[in-house]
PDB file of all heavy atoms in Angstrom:
ATOM      1  N   GLU A   1       0.823  -1.216   0.000  1.00  0.00           N
ATOM      2  CA  GLU A   1       0.000   0.000   0.000  1.00  0.00           C
ATOM      3  C   GLU A   1       0.860   1.270   0.000  1.00  0.00           C
ATOM      4  O   GLU A   1       0.348   2.372   0.199  1.00  0.00           O
ATOM      5  CB  GLU A   1      -0.937   0.050   1.235  1.00  0.00           C
ATOM      6  CG  GLU A   1      -1.613  -1.246   1.591  1.00  0.00           C
ATOM      7  CD  GLU A   1      -2.785  -1.588   0.703  1.00  0.00           C
ATOM      8  OE1 GLU A   1      -3.080  -0.817  -0.226  1.00  0.00           O
ATOM      9  OE2 GLU A   1      -3.409  -2.634   0.935  1.00  0.00           O
ATOM     10  N   SER A   2       2.156   1.132  -0.228  1.00  0.00           N
ATOM     11  CA  SER A   2       3.078   2.235   0.042  1.00  0.00           C
ATOM     12  C   SER A   2       3.092   3.300  -1.043  1.00  0.00           C
ATOM     13  O   SER A   2       3.748   4.331  -0.875  1.00  0.00           O
ATOM     14  CB  SER A   2       4.502   1.693   0.226  1.00  0.00           C
ATOM     15  OG  SER A   2       5.006   1.168  -0.989  1.00  0.00           O
ATOM     16  N   SER A   3       2.397   3.081  -2.132  1.00  0.00           N
ATOM     17  CA  SER A   3       2.433   4.041  -3.237  1.00  0.00           C
ATOM     18  C   SER A   3       1.028   4.288  -3.772  1.00  0.00           C
ATOM     19  O   SER A   3       0.306   3.343  -4.094  1.00  0.00           O
ATOM     20  CB  SER A   3       3.319   3.520  -4.378  1.00  0.00           C
ATOM     21  OG  SER A   3       4.640   3.326  -3.945  1.00  0.00           O
ATOM     22  N   GLY A   4       0.662   5.552  -3.822  1.00  0.00           N
ATOM     23  CA  GLY A   4      -0.541   5.954  -4.534  1.00  0.00           C
ATOM     24  C   GLY A   4      -1.841   5.912  -3.776  1.00  0.00           C
ATOM     25  O   GLY A   4      -2.853   6.431  -4.254  1.00  0.00           O
ATOM     26  N   MET A   5      -1.861   5.310  -2.585  1.00  0.00           N
ATOM     27  CA  MET A   5      -3.143   5.101  -1.911  1.00  0.00           C
ATOM     28  C   MET A   5      -3.558   6.336  -1.118  1.00  0.00           C
ATOM     29  O   MET A   5      -2.759   6.935  -0.401  1.00  0.00           O
ATOM     30  CB  MET A   5      -3.070   3.886  -1.000  1.00  0.00           C
ATOM     31  CG  MET A   5      -2.715   2.591  -1.728  1.00  0.00           C
ATOM     32  SD  MET A   5      -3.689   2.288  -3.229  1.00  0.00           S
ATOM     33  CE  MET A   5      -5.328   2.070  -2.536  1.00  0.00           C
ATOM     34  N   MET A   6      -4.825   6.678  -1.216  1.00  0.00           N
ATOM     35  CA  MET A   6      -5.386   7.898  -0.630  1.00  0.00           C
ATOM     36  C   MET A   6      -6.734   7.591   0.018  1.00  0.00           C
ATOM     37  O   MET A   6      -7.294   6.511  -0.139  1.00  0.00           O
ATOM     38  CB  MET A   6      -5.584   8.950  -1.724  1.00  0.00           C
ATOM     39  CG  MET A   6      -4.324   9.318  -2.508  1.00  0.00           C
ATOM     40  SD  MET A   6      -3.226  10.376  -1.582  1.00  0.00           S
ATOM     41  CE  MET A   6      -4.186  11.890  -1.544  1.00  0.00           C
ATOM     42  N   ALA A   7      -7.266   8.573   0.707  1.00  0.00           N
ATOM     43  CA  ALA A   7      -8.651   8.549   1.185  1.00  0.00           C
ATOM     44  C   ALA A   7      -8.974   7.277   1.954  1.00  0.00           C
ATOM     45  O   ALA A   7     -10.001   6.644   1.754  1.00  0.00           O
ATOM     46  CB  ALA A   7      -9.613   8.719   0.001  1.00  0.00           C
ATOM     47  N   SER A   8      -8.068   6.886   2.854  1.00  0.00           N
ATOM     48  CA  SER A   8      -8.281   5.696   3.696  1.00  0.00           C
ATOM     49  C   SER A   8      -8.528   4.449   2.863  1.00  0.00           C
ATOM     50  O   SER A   8      -9.403   3.636   3.170  1.00  0.00           O
ATOM     51  CB  SER A   8      -9.444   5.935   4.673  1.00  0.00           C
ATOM     52  OG  SER A   8      -9.265   7.132   5.393  1.00  0.00           O
ATOM     53  N   LEU A   9      -7.757   4.308   1.804  1.00  0.00           N
ATOM     54  CA  LEU A   9      -7.787   3.181   0.866  1.00  0.00           C
ATOM     55  C   LEU A   9      -8.984   3.200  -0.085  1.00  0.00           C
ATOM     56  O   LEU A   9      -9.112   2.287  -0.916  1.00  0.00           O
ATOM     57  CB  LEU A   9      -7.753   1.827   1.598  1.00  0.00           C
ATOM     58  CG  LEU A   9      -6.440   1.469   2.300  1.00  0.00           C
ATOM     59  CD1 LEU A   9      -6.546   0.066   2.911  1.00  0.00           C
ATOM     60  CD2 LEU A   9      -5.250   1.530   1.354  1.00  0.00           C
ATOM     61  N   LEU A  10      -9.812   4.213  -0.004  1.00  0.00           N
ATOM     62  CA  LEU A  10     -10.926   4.306  -0.951  1.00  0.00           C
ATOM     63  C   LEU A  10     -10.498   4.866  -2.296  1.00  0.00           C
ATOM     64  O   LEU A  10     -11.191   4.690  -3.299  1.00  0.00           O
ATOM     65  CB  LEU A  10     -12.050   5.169  -0.372  1.00  0.00           C
ATOM     66  CG  LEU A  10     -12.809   4.576   0.816  1.00  0.00           C
ATOM     67  CD1 LEU A  10     -13.783   5.600   1.378  1.00  0.00           C
ATOM     68  CD2 LEU A  10     -13.533   3.298   0.404  1.00  0.00           C
ATOM     69  N   GLY A  11      -9.353   5.564  -2.319  1.00  0.00           N
ATOM     70  CA  GLY A  11      -8.930   6.222  -3.547  1.00  0.00           C
ATOM     71  C   GLY A  11      -7.474   5.955  -3.883  1.00  0.00           C
ATOM     72  O   GLY A  11      -6.671   5.569  -3.030  1.00  0.00           O
ATOM     73  N   ALA A  12      -7.143   6.156  -5.152  1.00  0.00           N
ATOM     74  CA  ALA A  12      -5.764   6.070  -5.632  1.00  0.00           C
ATOM     75  C   ALA A  12      -5.478   7.301  -6.482  1.00  0.00           C
ATOM     76  O   ALA A  12      -6.383   7.845  -7.132  1.00  0.00           O
ATOM     77  CB  ALA A  12      -5.537   4.789  -6.432  1.00  0.00           C
ATOM     78  N   SER A  13      -4.228   7.720  -6.480  1.00  0.00           N
ATOM     79  CA  SER A  13      -3.855   8.979  -7.140  1.00  0.00           C
ATOM     80  C   SER A  13      -2.592   8.800  -7.959  1.00  0.00           C
ATOM     81  O   SER A  13      -1.589   8.260  -7.480  1.00  0.00           O
ATOM     82  CB  SER A  13      -3.626  10.067  -6.079  1.00  0.00           C
ATOM     83  OG  SER A  13      -2.881  11.148  -6.612  1.00  0.00           O
ATOM     84  N   PHE A  14      -2.642   9.273  -9.212  1.00  0.00           N
ATOM     85  CA  PHE A  14      -1.464   9.250 -10.078  1.00  0.00           C
ATOM     86  C   PHE A  14      -0.373  10.157  -9.509  1.00  0.00           C
ATOM     87  O   PHE A  14       0.807   9.782  -9.479  1.00  0.00           O
ATOM     88  CB  PHE A  14      -1.840   9.701 -11.489  1.00  0.00           C
ATOM     89  CG  PHE A  14      -2.802   8.786 -12.185  1.00  0.00           C
ATOM     90  CD1 PHE A  14      -4.153   9.116 -12.288  1.00  0.00           C
ATOM     91  CD2 PHE A  14      -2.386   7.582 -12.722  1.00  0.00           C
ATOM     92  CE1 PHE A  14      -5.049   8.282 -12.921  1.00  0.00           C
ATOM     93  CE2 PHE A  14      -3.265   6.728 -13.371  1.00  0.00           C
ATOM     94  CZ  PHE A  14      -4.611   7.082 -13.460  1.00  0.00           C
ATOM     95  N   GLU A  15      -0.758  11.346  -9.067  1.00  0.00           N
ATOM     96  CA  GLU A  15       0.228  12.270  -8.515  1.00  0.00           C
ATOM     97  C   GLU A  15       0.872  11.705  -7.257  1.00  0.00           C
ATOM     98  O   GLU A  15       2.081  11.856  -7.033  1.00  0.00           O
ATOM     99  CB  GLU A  15      -0.420  13.619  -8.189  1.00  0.00           C
ATOM    100  CG  GLU A  15      -1.017  14.334  -9.389  1.00  0.00           C
ATOM    101  CD  GLU A  15      -2.525  14.141  -9.497  1.00  0.00           C
ATOM    102  OE1 GLU A  15      -2.991  13.015  -9.186  1.00  0.00           O
ATOM    103  OE2 GLU A  15      -3.219  15.096  -9.876  1.00  0.00           O
ATOM    104  N   ALA A  16       0.066  11.034  -6.433  1.00  0.00           N
ATOM    105  CA  ALA A  16       0.619  10.438  -5.211  1.00  0.00           C
ATOM    106  C   ALA A  16       1.632   9.360  -5.549  1.00  0.00           C
ATOM    107  O   ALA A  16       2.641   9.207  -4.853  1.00  0.00           O
ATOM    108  CB  ALA A  16      -0.506   9.874  -4.345  1.00  0.00           C
ATOM    109  N   PHE A  17       1.396   8.587  -6.590  1.00  0.00           N
ATOM    110  CA  PHE A  17       2.375   7.585  -7.011  1.00  0.00           C
ATOM    111  C   PHE A  17       3.731   8.234  -7.263  1.00  0.00           C
ATOM    112  O   PHE A  17       4.771   7.743  -6.813  1.00  0.00           O
ATOM    113  CB  PHE A  17       1.901   6.865  -8.277  1.00  0.00           C
ATOM    114  CG  PHE A  17       1.296   5.516  -8.023  1.00  0.00           C
ATOM    115  CD1 PHE A  17      -0.076   5.358  -7.971  1.00  0.00           C
ATOM    116  CD2 PHE A  17       2.093   4.397  -7.842  1.00  0.00           C
ATOM    117  CE1 PHE A  17      -0.650   4.120  -7.743  1.00  0.00           C
ATOM    118  CE2 PHE A  17       1.534   3.150  -7.609  1.00  0.00           C
ATOM    119  CZ  PHE A  17       0.161   3.011  -7.564  1.00  0.00           C
ATOM    120  N   VAL A  18       3.726   9.328  -8.002  1.00  0.00           N
ATOM    121  CA  VAL A  18       4.975  10.003  -8.347  1.00  0.00           C
ATOM    122  C   VAL A  18       5.655  10.541  -7.096  1.00  0.00           C
ATOM    123  O   VAL A  18       6.881  10.397  -6.913  1.00  0.00           O
ATOM    124  CB  VAL A  18       4.689  11.125  -9.363  1.00  0.00           C
ATOM    125  CG1 VAL A  18       5.927  11.983  -9.586  1.00  0.00           C
ATOM    126  CG2 VAL A  18       4.209  10.536 -10.692  1.00  0.00           C
ATOM    127  N   LEU A  19       4.892  11.184  -6.224  1.00  0.00           N
ATOM    128  CA  LEU A  19       5.468  11.754  -5.008  1.00  0.00           C
ATOM    129  C   LEU A  19       5.916  10.664  -4.033  1.00  0.00           C
ATOM    130  O   LEU A  19       6.949  10.806  -3.368  1.00  0.00           O
ATOM    131  CB  LEU A  19       4.466  12.682  -4.334  1.00  0.00           C
ATOM    132  CG  LEU A  19       4.210  14.000  -5.065  1.00  0.00           C
ATOM    133  CD1 LEU A  19       3.096  14.770  -4.384  1.00  0.00           C
ATOM    134  CD2 LEU A  19       5.481  14.834  -5.120  1.00  0.00           C
ATOM    135  N   ASP A  20       5.152   9.593  -3.938  1.00  0.00           N
ATOM    136  CA  ASP A  20       5.558   8.507  -3.051  1.00  0.00           C
ATOM    137  C   ASP A  20       6.870   7.898  -3.505  1.00  0.00           C
ATOM    138  O   ASP A  20       7.712   7.518  -2.679  1.00  0.00           O
ATOM    139  CB  ASP A  20       4.471   7.427  -2.998  1.00  0.00           C
ATOM    140  CG  ASP A  20       3.243   7.869  -2.230  1.00  0.00           C
ATOM    141  OD1 ASP A  20       3.339   8.848  -1.472  1.00  0.00           O
ATOM    142  OD2 ASP A  20       2.175   7.248  -2.401  1.00  0.00           O
ATOM    143  N   ASN A  21       7.062   7.793  -4.808  1.00  0.00           N
ATOM    144  CA  ASN A  21       8.324   7.255  -5.306  1.00  0.00           C
ATOM    145  C   ASN A  21       9.500   8.099  -4.825  1.00  0.00           C
ATOM    146  O   ASN A  21      10.539   7.571  -4.418  1.00  0.00           O
ATOM    147  CB  ASN A  21       8.287   7.210  -6.834  1.00  0.00           C
ATOM    148  CG  ASN A  21       9.514   6.541  -7.420  1.00  0.00           C
ATOM    149  OD1 ASN A  21       9.749   5.349  -7.219  1.00  0.00           O
ATOM    150  ND2 ASN A  21      10.307   7.303  -8.155  1.00  0.00           N
ATOM    151  N   GLU A  22       9.328   9.419  -4.850  1.00  0.00           N
ATOM    152  CA  GLU A  22      10.389  10.309  -4.372  1.00  0.00           C
ATOM    153  C   GLU A  22      10.555  10.186  -2.858  1.00  0.00           C
ATOM    154  O   GLU A  22      11.682  10.139  -2.346  1.00  0.00           O
ATOM    155  CB  GLU A  22      10.066  11.746  -4.764  1.00  0.00           C
ATOM    156  CG  GLU A  22      11.155  12.742  -4.405  1.00  0.00           C
ATOM    157  CD  GLU A  22      10.952  14.079  -5.101  1.00  0.00           C
ATOM    158  OE1 GLU A  22      10.920  14.106  -6.352  1.00  0.00           O
ATOM    159  OE2 GLU A  22      10.832  15.085  -4.383  1.00  0.00           O
ATOM    160  N   MET A  23       9.448  10.142  -2.144  1.00  0.00           N
ATOM    161  CA  MET A  23       9.512   9.986  -0.698  1.00  0.00           C
ATOM    162  C   MET A  23      10.226   8.704  -0.306  1.00  0.00           C
ATOM    163  O   MET A  23      11.032   8.670   0.636  1.00  0.00           O
ATOM    164  CB  MET A  23       8.090  10.006  -0.116  1.00  0.00           C
ATOM    165  CG  MET A  23       7.986   9.791   1.383  1.00  0.00           C
ATOM    166  SD  MET A  23       7.716   8.044   1.839  1.00  0.00           S
ATOM    167  CE  MET A  23       6.070   7.749   1.217  1.00  0.00           C
ATOM    168  N   LEU A  24       9.972   7.617  -1.045  1.00  0.00           N
ATOM    169  CA  LEU A  24      10.584   6.341  -0.718  1.00  0.00           C
ATOM    170  C   LEU A  24      12.084   6.336  -0.949  1.00  0.00           C
ATOM    171  O   LEU A  24      12.807   5.564  -0.299  1.00  0.00           O
ATOM    172  CB  LEU A  24       9.903   5.214  -1.501  1.00  0.00           C
ATOM    173  CG  LEU A  24       8.460   4.919  -1.079  1.00  0.00           C
ATOM    174  CD1 LEU A  24       7.807   3.927  -2.028  1.00  0.00           C
ATOM    175  CD2 LEU A  24       8.401   4.400   0.357  1.00  0.00           C
ATOM    176  N   SER A  25      12.572   7.188  -1.846  1.00  0.00           N
ATOM    177  CA  SER A  25      14.027   7.328  -1.966  1.00  0.00           C
ATOM    178  C   SER A  25      14.615   7.853  -0.666  1.00  0.00           C
ATOM    179  O   SER A  25      15.654   7.372  -0.189  1.00  0.00           O
ATOM    180  CB  SER A  25      14.384   8.268  -3.120  1.00  0.00           C
ATOM    181  OG  SER A  25      14.212   7.643  -4.375  1.00  0.00           O
TER     182      SER A  25
END
């Protein structure tokens, strides 16, 4: 669940995927 998940798992976000990738670095 570490990338892209939003809204208490009800939603997914393209922008969050990109930002999570950077955060995970």
